[in-house]
Amino acid sequence: MPASINPIIPGFAPDPSIVKVDDWFFLVNSSFHLFPGLPIFASQDLLSWKQIGNAINRPTQLSLKVSDTQLHPQKDTGDVLVATGGLYAPTIRHHNGTFYIVCTNVIRTPQGDNGVNFIISTRDIWSDEWSDPVYFEFKGIDPSILFDDDGRTYIHGSAAPGPYTTINLFEVDLQTGAKLSDERTIWRGTGGIYPEGPHLYKRNGWYYVLIAEGGTHGGHIVTMARSRDIWGPYEECPQNPILTARDTDEYIQYTGHADLFRDGEGQWWCVCLGVRRDQRGRFIMGRETFLTRGNWDGDWPVLDQVKSTPNGMSDAESSKLAVMPGLDYVRIRDVVQENYHIDDAAGSITMKASPVDLSDPQLSPSFVGKRQRLLDGSSSVTVQGIDTKWTPARAQAGLVCYKDEHRYLRIFFDADTLAIVVELVNKAKEVVQREQHELGSLPERVSFRMEYTEQEYRLLYSLEKGNMAIWKCVSVVDTLELTGPDFTGPVIGVYAVAQTDDMPAEFRDLNIE
């Protein structure tokens, strides 16, 4: 089962966790402020993956309203860490016919961040029907599950507060969330900051704890320890870190937040997050999911360095990611679903324009998008149905590359000024740029296109119809303008803003790569 494609889940796909059940592998990623959340992927060969669902797919399951994005200046680098709340670091496991996901919903309060931890489950992962959350008491993030041989079930996670956290463990009743033991610290890591993503594995009578340390960017490493007793003490692996790209010139950087597993032939593998980072520091796709081979013939696992897709394979060829119809559309935070009508087959979307813009930290703007999956690609759409009602409503609608309320690049028609507008916002870099190209009259329709490479975005528009479309490039933006240490990745989509909340915006021929 060769691993010749990397990343296996391209684009906004951090914090992977994986489980093998029968002939299938199932994988889940963090989703932060996007709804639906916790995308589920399936594969039989570890190469070709299909999104089959979203574990958080009903607004009644939980709220993402208080999941705003905070900007944290970093004294050591001068960068600004862009930290988004919402759904962090899910772990997926399977036991006695049931799939379980444990996860943290990070919400912002006046007293600080509050991680609300929960369990959701399903007997049929293909049905896309997951339970309501069962909450459990744990002051921390990134919970994981171990089903032990004696029938006991344990949850372990990174205990808060602060960067020098600890890995804590307790026995749990998954049906009620009740603790069945005291919570104890089992390992404090190797001294790296922000330990995260702990997983426990039992092998040959040993309990192995795997964690990431050093923060999820330049210092990211994977470390391990083991004990004969689940409660410890744990002895550190003498080969730590067992995986990292730190202090290397590898194209794939920031590798960490790993999960180990075996395929049907007994071969060990590891999924982890990483970024494709060029020599100028661009990693525009954010944190993606990568796969690498491992060996566990001895006392400790040995993992291969994470490599990208072999030279000669195009970006489109390397992305064998398929989607069951309609599952990859996302919106922002707590959506009002009846305000949207999506016809995936026709590429048609109608939404009610909203006074809420993309910059709002808590409310849900009128927006529908998909994660950018191709490093080199393009997306396009036609806005139609523009009429005289748009002018008093000061309406605008268009195409946007969105990361969070602080960072987005958009091209849109502004009915207030009768102009095509390009706007770049990156408050983490104190960048706000706006260009206007006046039309002089109200068009019936306007088409937009965004072309992207690793180095740049090109923004174009056309007022012509059908095959006679003549595209005009109005702006070229270096992708460095939207690159930075963050948790999310680019989402390409359409949006509409108006001073009234009852004006429909119609989008046709939407194509997002």
Protein backbone atom coordinates (compact mmCIF):
# COMPACT_ATOMS: atom_id res chain seq x y z
CA MET A 1 0.00 0.00 0.00
CA PRO A 2 2.37 2.76 -1.20
CA ALA A 3 2.00 6.35 0.01
CA SER A 4 2.76 8.26 -3.18
CA ILE A 5 0.40 11.19 -2.66
CA ASN A 6 0.93 13.97 -0.12
CA PRO A 7 -0.91 15.81 1.27
CA ILE A 8 -3.65 13.18 1.44
CA ILE A 9 -6.20 15.83 2.52
CA PRO A 10 -5.07 19.09 0.90
CA GLY A 11 -6.08 22.54 2.05
CA PHE A 12 -7.61 23.47 5.39
CA ALA A 13 -7.24 20.03 7.07
CA PRO A 14 -5.33 20.24 10.38
CA ASP A 15 -5.10 17.93 13.42
CA PRO A 16 -5.91 14.61 11.72
CA SER A 17 -7.07 11.57 13.65
CA ILE A 18 -7.65 8.21 12.02
CA VAL A 19 -9.15 4.79 12.74
CA LYS A 20 -9.27 1.57 10.70
CA VAL A 21 -12.48 -0.47 10.73
CA ASP A 22 -12.63 -3.59 8.54
CA ASP A 23 -11.32 -2.57 5.10
CA TRP A 24 -11.84 1.16 5.59
CA PHE A 25 -9.85 4.02 7.08
CA PHE A 26 -11.82 6.94 8.55
CA LEU A 27 -10.23 10.32 9.24
CA VAL A 28 -11.43 13.53 10.90
CA ASN A 29 -10.01 17.08 11.02
CA SER A 30 -10.44 20.20 13.11
CA SER A 31 -12.81 22.79 11.66
CA PHE A 32 -12.78 25.68 14.18
CA HIS A 33 -15.42 28.32 13.24
CA LEU A 34 -16.89 26.63 10.16
CA PHE A 35 -20.27 24.90 9.95
CA PRO A 36 -20.82 22.06 9.32
CA GLY A 37 -17.85 20.98 11.40
CA LEU A 38 -15.51 18.03 11.85
CA PRO A 39 -15.37 16.70 8.27
CA ILE A 40 -15.19 12.90 7.95
CA PHE A 41 -13.15 11.24 5.18
CA ALA A 42 -12.97 7.59 4.11
CA SER A 43 -10.43 5.58 2.12
CA GLN A 44 -9.57 1.97 1.40
CA ASP A 45 -6.03 2.55 0.10
CA LEU A 46 -4.79 5.65 2.03
CA LEU A 47 -4.37 7.42 -1.32
CA SER A 48 -7.87 8.16 -2.63
CA TRP A 49 -10.09 9.83 -0.03
CA LYS A 50 -13.73 10.86 -0.10
CA GLN A 51 -15.53 13.19 2.26
CA ILE A 52 -18.53 11.21 3.51
CA GLY A 53 -19.95 13.51 6.17
CA ASN A 54 -19.56 16.10 8.89
CA ALA A 55 -19.88 15.01 12.50
CA ILE A 56 -21.29 18.40 13.56
CA ASN A 57 -24.02 18.98 10.98
CA ARG A 58 -27.04 20.27 12.95
CA PRO A 59 -27.15 23.75 14.50
CA THR A 60 -28.83 22.19 17.53
CA GLN A 61 -25.75 20.10 18.35
CA LEU A 62 -23.69 23.06 19.61
CA SER A 63 -23.01 26.78 19.10
CA LEU A 64 -19.99 28.31 17.39
CA LYS A 65 -21.08 31.89 17.99
CA VAL A 66 -18.46 32.64 20.64
CA SER A 67 -15.55 31.26 18.62
CA ASP A 68 -13.96 34.49 17.46
CA THR A 69 -10.35 34.79 16.33
CA GLN A 70 -7.76 36.44 18.54
CA LEU A 71 -4.46 38.04 17.52
CA HIS A 72 -1.46 37.26 19.72
CA PRO A 73 1.85 39.06 18.98
CA GLN A 74 4.84 36.72 19.35
CA LYS A 75 7.78 38.38 21.10
CA ASP A 76 10.37 35.91 19.81
CA THR A 77 9.52 36.16 16.09
CA GLY A 78 7.62 39.43 15.70
CA ASP A 79 4.81 37.52 14.00
CA VAL A 80 1.19 37.57 15.12
CA LEU A 81 -0.39 34.22 15.99
CA VAL A 82 -3.94 34.11 14.62
CA ALA A 83 -5.86 31.87 17.03
CA THR A 84 -9.40 30.90 16.06
CA GLY A 85 -11.87 29.39 18.51
CA GLY A 86 -14.37 26.64 17.82
CA LEU A 87 -13.79 22.94 17.20
CA TYR A 88 -10.26 21.80 18.09
CA ALA A 89 -8.40 18.55 17.57
CA PRO A 90 -11.01 15.77 17.36
CA THR A 91 -10.04 12.15 17.97
CA ILE A 92 -11.96 9.35 16.23
CA ARG A 93 -12.05 5.80 17.61
CA HIS A 94 -14.23 2.69 17.17
CA HIS A 95 -15.36 0.17 19.77
CA ASN A 96 -17.99 -2.58 19.76
CA GLY A 97 -19.71 -1.32 16.61
CA THR A 98 -19.80 2.36 17.58
CA PHE A 99 -17.70 5.25 16.29
CA TYR A 100 -16.79 7.89 18.86
CA ILE A 101 -15.38 11.38 18.41
CA VAL A 102 -14.12 13.42 21.35
CA CYS A 103 -13.41 17.09 20.77
CA THR A 104 -13.06 20.54 22.34
CA ASN A 105 -15.25 23.54 21.50
CA VAL A 106 -13.09 26.54 22.45
CA ILE A 107 -15.29 29.49 23.30
CA ARG A 108 -14.24 33.02 24.25
CA THR A 109 -15.53 34.60 27.45
CA PRO A 110 -14.68 37.85 29.27
CA GLN A 111 -12.79 35.67 31.78
CA GLY A 112 -10.72 34.00 29.03
CA ASP A 113 -10.92 30.93 26.81
CA ASN A 114 -13.10 28.07 27.96
CA GLY A 115 -12.69 24.63 26.42
CA VAL A 116 -15.99 22.73 26.47
CA ASN A 117 -15.26 19.04 25.87
CA PHE A 118 -17.73 16.55 24.45
CA ILE A 119 -18.33 13.08 23.01
CA ILE A 120 -20.44 12.33 19.93
CA SER A 121 -21.11 8.92 18.45
CA THR A 122 -22.73 6.98 15.62
CA ARG A 123 -23.38 3.33 14.82
CA ASP A 124 -23.37 4.05 11.07
CA ILE A 125 -20.63 6.44 9.96
CA TRP A 126 -21.93 6.40 6.37
CA SER A 127 -25.30 7.80 7.43
CA ASP A 128 -23.88 11.20 8.48
CA GLU A 129 -26.10 10.97 11.57
CA TRP A 130 -24.19 11.76 14.75
CA SER A 131 -25.53 12.07 18.27
CA ASP A 132 -25.94 15.24 20.26
CA PRO A 133 -22.87 15.98 22.39
CA VAL A 134 -22.34 14.29 25.72
CA TYR A 135 -20.29 16.72 27.80
CA PHE A 136 -17.61 15.74 30.28
CA GLU A 137 -15.66 17.70 32.85
CA PHE A 138 -12.09 18.42 31.73
CA LYS A 139 -10.25 21.72 31.92
CA GLY A 140 -8.15 21.38 28.82
CA ILE A 141 -8.12 20.67 25.09
CA ASP A 142 -7.48 17.89 22.57
CA PRO A 143 -9.08 14.88 24.32
CA SER A 144 -8.49 11.35 23.08
CA ILE A 145 -9.85 7.89 23.99
CA LEU A 146 -8.26 4.57 24.89
CA PHE A 147 -10.35 1.40 25.17
CA ASP A 148 -8.31 -0.87 27.42
CA ASP A 149 -8.25 -4.67 27.38
CA ASP A 150 -10.04 -4.93 30.74
CA GLY A 151 -13.13 -3.07 29.48
CA ARG A 152 -12.23 0.27 31.01
CA THR A 153 -12.34 3.43 28.89
CA TYR A 154 -10.01 6.37 29.44
CA ILE A 155 -9.94 9.95 28.22
CA HIS A 156 -6.66 11.85 28.17
CA GLY A 157 -5.96 15.39 27.05
CA SER A 158 -3.75 18.45 27.31
CA ALA A 159 -4.64 20.15 30.58
CA ALA A 160 -4.83 23.93 30.78
CA PRO A 161 -3.99 26.69 31.49
CA GLY A 162 -0.97 28.16 29.76
CA PRO A 163 1.72 26.92 27.38
CA TYR A 164 3.40 24.58 29.90
CA THR A 165 0.47 22.22 30.12
CA THR A 166 0.32 18.62 31.21
CA ILE A 167 -1.15 15.38 29.88
CA ASN A 168 -3.94 14.27 32.20
CA LEU A 169 -5.90 11.02 32.29
CA PHE A 170 -9.14 9.73 33.83
CA GLU A 171 -11.52 6.82 33.45
CA VAL A 172 -14.88 7.78 31.90
CA ASP A 173 -18.37 6.56 31.14
CA LEU A 174 -18.82 7.49 27.46
CA GLN A 175 -22.61 7.28 27.68
CA THR A 176 -22.94 9.91 30.41
CA GLY A 177 -19.56 11.70 30.41
CA ALA A 178 -19.17 10.94 34.12
CA LYS A 179 -15.69 10.51 35.53
CA LEU A 180 -15.10 7.08 37.04
CA SER A 181 -11.73 7.96 38.57
CA ASP A 182 -9.72 10.92 39.73
CA GLU A 183 -7.96 12.94 37.03
CA ARG A 184 -4.19 12.48 37.20
CA THR A 185 -1.19 13.87 35.39
CA ILE A 186 0.65 11.07 33.56
CA TRP A 187 3.33 12.99 31.60
CA ARG A 188 4.69 16.51 31.29
CA GLY A 189 6.38 16.08 27.93
CA THR A 190 9.98 16.90 27.13
CA GLY A 191 9.81 20.60 27.96
CA GLY A 192 8.32 21.97 24.73
CA ILE A 193 5.56 24.55 24.94
CA TYR A 194 1.91 23.90 24.14
CA PRO A 195 1.72 20.09 24.33
CA GLU A 196 -1.23 18.99 22.22
CA GLY A 197 -2.94 16.11 20.48
CA PRO A 198 -2.12 13.30 22.96
CA HIS A 199 -2.97 9.72 22.02
CA LEU A 200 -2.51 6.53 24.05
CA TYR A 201 -1.74 3.18 22.41
CA LYS A 202 -1.30 -0.21 24.07
CA ARG A 203 1.27 -2.57 22.57
CA ASN A 204 3.06 -5.60 23.99
CA GLY A 205 1.97 -4.81 27.52
CA TRP A 206 3.18 -1.18 27.35
CA TYR A 207 1.12 2.01 27.30
CA TYR A 208 2.60 4.51 24.87
CA VAL A 209 1.63 8.20 24.99
CA LEU A 210 2.24 10.25 21.86
CA ILE A 211 2.02 14.06 21.90
CA ALA A 212 3.03 17.11 19.90
CA GLU A 213 5.08 19.88 21.49
CA GLY A 214 6.66 23.18 20.57
CA GLY A 215 3.58 24.91 19.17
CA THR A 216 1.91 24.04 15.89
CA HIS A 217 4.27 26.08 13.70
CA GLY A 218 8.08 26.33 13.44
CA GLY A 219 8.87 24.44 16.64
CA HIS A 220 6.45 21.58 16.10
CA ILE A 221 7.73 18.12 17.14
CA VAL A 222 6.24 14.71 18.00
CA THR A 223 7.43 12.99 21.17
CA MET A 224 6.63 9.76 22.96
CA ALA A 225 6.87 8.04 26.36
CA ARG A 226 5.79 4.67 27.75
CA SER A 227 4.83 2.88 30.94
CA ARG A 228 3.79 -0.60 32.10
CA ASP A 229 1.01 1.05 34.12
CA ILE A 230 -1.49 3.36 32.43
CA TRP A 231 -1.14 5.81 35.33
CA GLY A 232 2.64 5.94 34.96
CA PRO A 233 5.36 6.77 35.56
CA TYR A 234 6.19 7.23 31.87
CA GLU A 235 9.74 6.97 30.54
CA GLU A 236 10.74 9.18 27.64
CA CYS A 237 11.68 7.72 24.26
CA PRO A 238 15.47 8.10 23.89
CA GLN A 239 15.00 9.00 20.20
CA ASN A 240 12.67 11.96 20.85
CA PRO A 241 11.50 13.73 18.81
CA ILE A 242 10.30 10.84 16.68
CA LEU A 243 8.98 13.21 14.00
CA THR A 244 9.73 16.83 13.12
CA ALA A 245 10.74 19.11 10.26
CA ARG A 246 12.25 21.64 12.66
CA ASP A 247 15.74 22.82 11.67
CA THR A 248 15.49 21.17 8.24
CA ASP A 249 15.18 22.54 4.72
CA GLU A 250 12.26 20.22 3.91
CA TYR A 251 9.45 21.69 1.79
CA ILE A 252 6.95 20.11 4.20
CA GLN A 253 7.32 22.01 7.48
CA TYR A 254 5.55 22.22 10.88
CA THR A 255 4.91 18.46 10.96
CA GLY A 256 3.23 17.29 14.16
CA HIS A 257 -0.09 16.47 15.83
CA ALA A 258 0.23 12.85 14.75
CA ASP A 259 -1.85 9.68 15.04
CA LEU A 260 -0.34 6.19 14.54
CA PHE A 261 -2.13 3.21 12.99
CA ARG A 262 -1.59 -0.05 11.10
CA ASP A 263 -3.02 -1.10 7.76
CA GLY A 264 -4.44 -4.54 6.99
CA GLU A 265 -0.98 -5.89 6.16
CA GLY A 266 0.50 -4.87 9.50
CA GLN A 267 2.41 -1.86 8.14
CA TRP A 268 2.60 1.10 10.52
CA TRP A 269 1.70 4.58 9.30
CA CYS A 270 1.31 8.06 10.73
CA VAL A 271 -1.03 10.87 9.76
CA CYS A 272 -0.01 14.33 10.85
CA LEU A 273 -0.46 17.97 9.99
CA GLY A 274 2.09 19.95 8.01
CA VAL A 275 2.40 22.89 5.66
CA ARG A 276 3.83 23.30 2.18
CA ARG A 277 6.23 26.20 2.80
CA ASP A 278 8.27 27.83 0.04
CA GLN A 279 11.63 29.56 0.43
CA ARG A 280 10.04 32.97 1.00
CA GLY A 281 7.88 31.67 3.82
CA ARG A 282 4.61 31.25 1.98
CA PHE A 283 2.35 28.46 3.27
CA ILE A 284 -0.89 29.79 1.89
CA MET A 285 -2.84 26.52 2.14
CA GLY A 286 -2.43 26.44 5.91
CA ARG A 287 -2.12 23.19 7.83
CA GLU A 288 -2.91 20.10 5.74
CA THR A 289 -3.04 16.34 6.41
CA PHE A 290 0.02 14.29 5.45
CA LEU A 291 0.85 10.60 5.58
CA THR A 292 4.17 8.91 6.29
CA ARG A 293 5.37 5.35 6.80
CA GLY A 294 6.53 3.99 10.14
CA ASN A 295 8.30 0.97 11.60
CA TRP A 296 7.58 -0.45 15.03
CA ASP A 297 9.63 -3.62 15.11
CA GLY A 298 11.55 -2.47 18.19
CA ASP A 299 10.54 -0.87 21.47
CA TRP A 300 9.77 2.49 19.86
CA PRO A 301 8.24 3.54 16.54
CA VAL A 302 10.48 5.02 13.86
CA LEU A 303 8.76 7.39 11.41
CA ASP A 304 9.93 8.47 7.96
CA GLN A 305 10.40 12.15 7.23
CA VAL A 306 7.22 13.58 5.69
CA LYS A 307 7.66 14.22 1.98
CA SER A 308 5.49 15.95 -0.61
CA THR A 309 4.05 14.45 -3.79
CA PRO A 310 6.84 13.18 -6.08
CA ASN A 311 8.11 15.57 -8.73
CA GLY A 312 6.31 15.33 -12.02
CA MET A 313 2.84 14.87 -10.55
CA SER A 314 0.62 17.92 -10.99
CA ASP A 315 -1.34 19.52 -8.18
CA ALA A 316 -4.62 18.31 -9.69
CA GLU A 317 -3.31 14.77 -10.12
CA SER A 318 -2.06 14.64 -6.54
CA SER A 319 -5.41 15.72 -5.09
CA LYS A 320 -7.52 12.58 -5.36
CA LEU A 321 -10.05 13.98 -2.92
CA ALA A 322 -13.66 13.26 -3.80
CA VAL A 323 -16.79 14.51 -2.04
CA MET A 324 -20.27 13.10 -1.67
CA PRO A 325 -22.63 15.76 -3.14
CA GLY A 326 -23.18 18.87 -1.04
CA LEU A 327 -21.04 17.84 1.93
CA ASP A 328 -18.14 20.24 1.42
CA TYR A 329 -20.10 23.52 1.46
CA VAL A 330 -19.35 25.46 4.65
CA ARG A 331 -20.63 28.61 6.30
CA ILE A 332 -19.44 30.65 9.26
CA ARG A 333 -20.45 30.01 12.87
CA ASP A 334 -24.16 29.74 13.78
CA VAL A 335 -25.95 29.80 10.45
CA VAL A 336 -29.62 30.34 9.67
CA GLN A 337 -30.02 27.47 7.24
CA GLU A 338 -33.33 28.60 5.78
CA ASN A 339 -31.57 31.71 4.40
CA TYR A 340 -29.75 29.54 1.84
CA HIS A 341 -30.80 27.47 -1.15
CA ILE A 342 -27.97 25.45 -2.73
CA ASP A 343 -28.25 23.42 -5.92
CA ASP A 344 -24.89 21.66 -6.01
CA ALA A 345 -25.44 20.02 -9.39
CA ALA A 346 -26.16 23.34 -11.08
CA GLY A 347 -23.60 25.36 -9.13
CA SER A 348 -26.47 27.61 -8.05
CA ILE A 349 -26.79 29.41 -4.72
CA THR A 350 -29.43 31.86 -3.55
CA MET A 351 -28.98 33.52 -0.19
CA LYS A 352 -30.49 36.38 1.74
CA ALA A 353 -28.06 39.27 1.96
CA SER A 354 -27.23 40.29 5.50
CA PRO A 355 -26.08 43.48 7.24
CA VAL A 356 -23.41 41.29 8.85
CA ASP A 357 -20.08 41.52 7.02
CA LEU A 358 -17.18 39.07 6.97
CA SER A 359 -15.37 41.12 9.63
CA ASP A 360 -17.92 40.35 12.35
CA PRO A 361 -16.26 38.31 15.15
CA GLN A 362 -19.35 36.39 16.29
CA LEU A 363 -22.35 36.65 13.96
CA SER A 364 -22.78 34.61 10.79
CA PRO A 365 -22.47 36.60 7.55
CA SER A 366 -24.26 35.53 4.37
CA PHE A 367 -21.52 33.32 3.00
CA VAL A 368 -21.14 29.89 1.37
CA GLY A 369 -17.79 28.43 0.42
CA LYS A 370 -15.53 25.41 0.07
CA ARG A 371 -12.03 24.80 1.30
CA GLN A 372 -9.40 25.58 -1.33
CA ARG A 373 -8.01 22.17 -2.29
CA LEU A 374 -5.65 23.02 -5.16
CA LEU A 375 -2.49 25.04 -4.62
CA ASP A 376 -2.68 26.08 -8.28
CA GLY A 377 -6.26 26.57 -9.44
CA SER A 378 -9.11 28.98 -9.97
CA SER A 379 -12.63 29.67 -8.77
CA SER A 380 -15.41 31.61 -10.48
CA VAL A 381 -19.03 32.65 -10.15
CA THR A 382 -21.64 34.88 -11.78
CA VAL A 383 -23.73 37.27 -9.71
CA GLN A 384 -27.07 37.85 -11.39
CA GLY A 385 -30.42 39.42 -10.63
CA ILE A 386 -28.85 42.79 -9.90
CA ASP A 387 -31.55 45.49 -10.08
CA THR A 388 -32.49 48.93 -8.77
CA LYS A 389 -33.28 47.55 -5.30
CA TRP A 390 -29.58 47.01 -4.78
CA THR A 391 -28.71 50.72 -4.74
CA PRO A 392 -30.78 51.94 -1.75
CA ALA A 393 -29.81 48.73 0.09
CA ARG A 394 -26.14 49.57 -0.53
CA ALA A 395 -25.71 45.95 -1.53
CA GLN A 396 -22.49 44.21 -2.43
CA ALA A 397 -21.86 40.64 -3.56
CA GLY A 398 -18.91 38.74 -4.92
CA LEU A 399 -16.16 36.16 -4.55
CA VAL A 400 -13.86 35.91 -1.53
CA CYS A 401 -10.89 33.98 -0.19
CA TYR A 402 -11.69 33.87 3.52
CA LYS A 403 -9.69 32.69 6.54
CA ASP A 404 -11.32 34.48 9.47
CA GLU A 405 -12.77 37.86 10.41
CA HIS A 406 -9.30 39.43 10.36
CA ARG A 407 -8.08 38.08 7.00
CA TYR A 408 -9.75 37.88 3.62
CA LEU A 409 -9.31 38.91 -0.01
CA ARG A 410 -12.43 39.67 -2.04
CA ILE A 411 -13.65 41.04 -5.34
CA PHE A 412 -17.24 42.26 -5.50
CA PHE A 413 -19.78 44.54 -7.11
CA ASP A 414 -20.69 47.51 -4.90
CA ALA A 415 -24.12 48.92 -5.82
CA ASP A 416 -23.52 52.02 -3.68
CA THR A 417 -20.60 53.21 -5.84
CA LEU A 418 -21.44 51.27 -9.04
CA ALA A 419 -17.94 49.85 -8.96
CA ILE A 420 -15.98 46.62 -8.94
CA VAL A 421 -14.02 46.60 -5.71
CA VAL A 422 -11.01 44.57 -4.62
CA GLU A 423 -10.37 44.53 -0.89
CA LEU A 424 -7.50 42.90 1.00
CA VAL A 425 -7.72 42.73 4.80
CA ASN A 426 -5.08 41.24 7.07
CA LYS A 427 -5.26 42.87 10.49
CA ALA A 428 -2.53 40.55 11.80
CA LYS A 429 -0.16 42.34 9.41
CA GLU A 430 -1.95 45.69 9.72
CA VAL A 431 -2.86 45.56 6.03
CA VAL A 432 -6.07 47.05 4.63
CA GLN A 433 -6.09 47.78 0.89
CA ARG A 434 -8.98 48.77 -1.35
CA GLU A 435 -9.14 49.37 -5.12
CA GLN A 436 -12.20 50.58 -7.05
CA HIS A 437 -12.96 50.25 -10.76
CA GLU A 438 -16.06 52.28 -11.57
CA LEU A 439 -18.61 50.94 -14.03
CA GLY A 440 -20.82 54.00 -14.26
CA SER A 441 -24.07 52.07 -14.46
CA LEU A 442 -25.91 49.18 -12.86
CA PRO A 443 -25.15 45.84 -14.61
CA GLU A 444 -27.69 43.03 -14.73
CA ARG A 445 -24.98 40.52 -13.94
CA VAL A 446 -21.26 40.35 -13.37
CA SER A 447 -18.86 37.41 -13.29
CA PHE A 448 -15.84 37.07 -11.02
CA ARG A 449 -12.81 34.83 -11.15
CA MET A 450 -9.98 34.25 -8.71
CA GLU A 451 -6.85 32.49 -9.98
CA TYR A 452 -4.23 31.32 -7.52
CA THR A 453 -0.75 29.87 -7.42
CA GLU A 454 1.65 29.40 -4.54
CA GLN A 455 2.92 32.92 -5.20
CA GLU A 456 -0.08 35.06 -6.13
CA TYR A 457 -3.79 35.67 -6.45
CA ARG A 458 -5.19 37.20 -9.65
CA LEU A 459 -8.64 38.80 -9.44
CA LEU A 460 -10.72 39.26 -12.58
CA TYR A 461 -14.23 40.28 -13.60
CA SER A 462 -16.37 40.21 -16.74
CA LEU A 463 -19.60 41.93 -17.74
CA GLU A 464 -20.08 39.89 -20.90
CA LYS A 465 -22.29 36.84 -21.29
CA GLY A 466 -21.61 33.23 -22.19
CA ASN A 467 -18.76 32.31 -24.51
CA MET A 468 -18.14 35.97 -25.36
CA ALA A 469 -16.88 36.76 -21.84
CA ILE A 470 -13.91 39.10 -21.79
CA TRP A 471 -12.08 38.95 -18.50
CA LYS A 472 -10.32 41.97 -17.05
CA CYS A 473 -7.63 41.45 -14.41
CA VAL A 474 -7.95 44.23 -11.86
CA SER A 475 -5.52 43.13 -9.15
CA VAL A 476 -2.59 40.80 -8.45
CA VAL A 477 -1.85 40.05 -4.79
CA ASP A 478 1.19 38.25 -3.36
CA THR A 479 0.07 35.28 -1.26
CA LEU A 480 2.47 36.44 1.46
CA GLU A 481 -0.18 39.04 2.28
CA LEU A 482 -2.44 36.25 3.61
CA THR A 483 0.29 33.96 4.97
CA GLY A 484 1.01 33.76 8.67
CA PRO A 485 0.99 31.54 11.76
CA ASP A 486 -2.65 30.56 12.05
CA PHE A 487 -4.98 27.65 12.71
CA THR A 488 -7.19 27.82 9.62
CA GLY A 489 -6.75 27.72 5.84
CA PRO A 490 -8.26 29.38 2.78
CA VAL A 491 -11.96 28.97 2.05
CA ILE A 492 -13.17 30.23 -1.34
CA GLY A 493 -16.79 31.32 -1.46
CA VAL A 494 -19.50 33.80 -2.26
CA TYR A 495 -21.04 36.37 0.04
CA ALA A 496 -23.63 39.15 0.03
CA VAL A 497 -24.00 42.21 2.28
CA ALA A 498 -26.90 44.69 2.33
CA GLN A 499 -28.44 47.18 4.73
CA THR A 500 -31.62 45.08 4.68
CA ASP A 501 -31.85 41.38 5.50
CA ASP A 502 -34.54 40.36 3.02
CA MET A 503 -32.81 41.01 -0.32
CA PRO A 504 -31.94 37.84 -2.26
CA ALA A 505 -28.54 37.45 -3.91
CA GLU A 506 -28.30 34.97 -6.77
CA PHE A 507 -25.08 33.18 -7.72
CA ARG A 508 -24.77 30.93 -10.74
CA ASP A 509 -22.10 28.68 -12.26
CA LEU A 510 -20.13 28.52 -9.05
CA ASN A 511 -16.90 26.58 -9.49
CA ILE A 512 -14.43 26.23 -6.60
CA GLU A 513 -11.15 24.31 -6.78
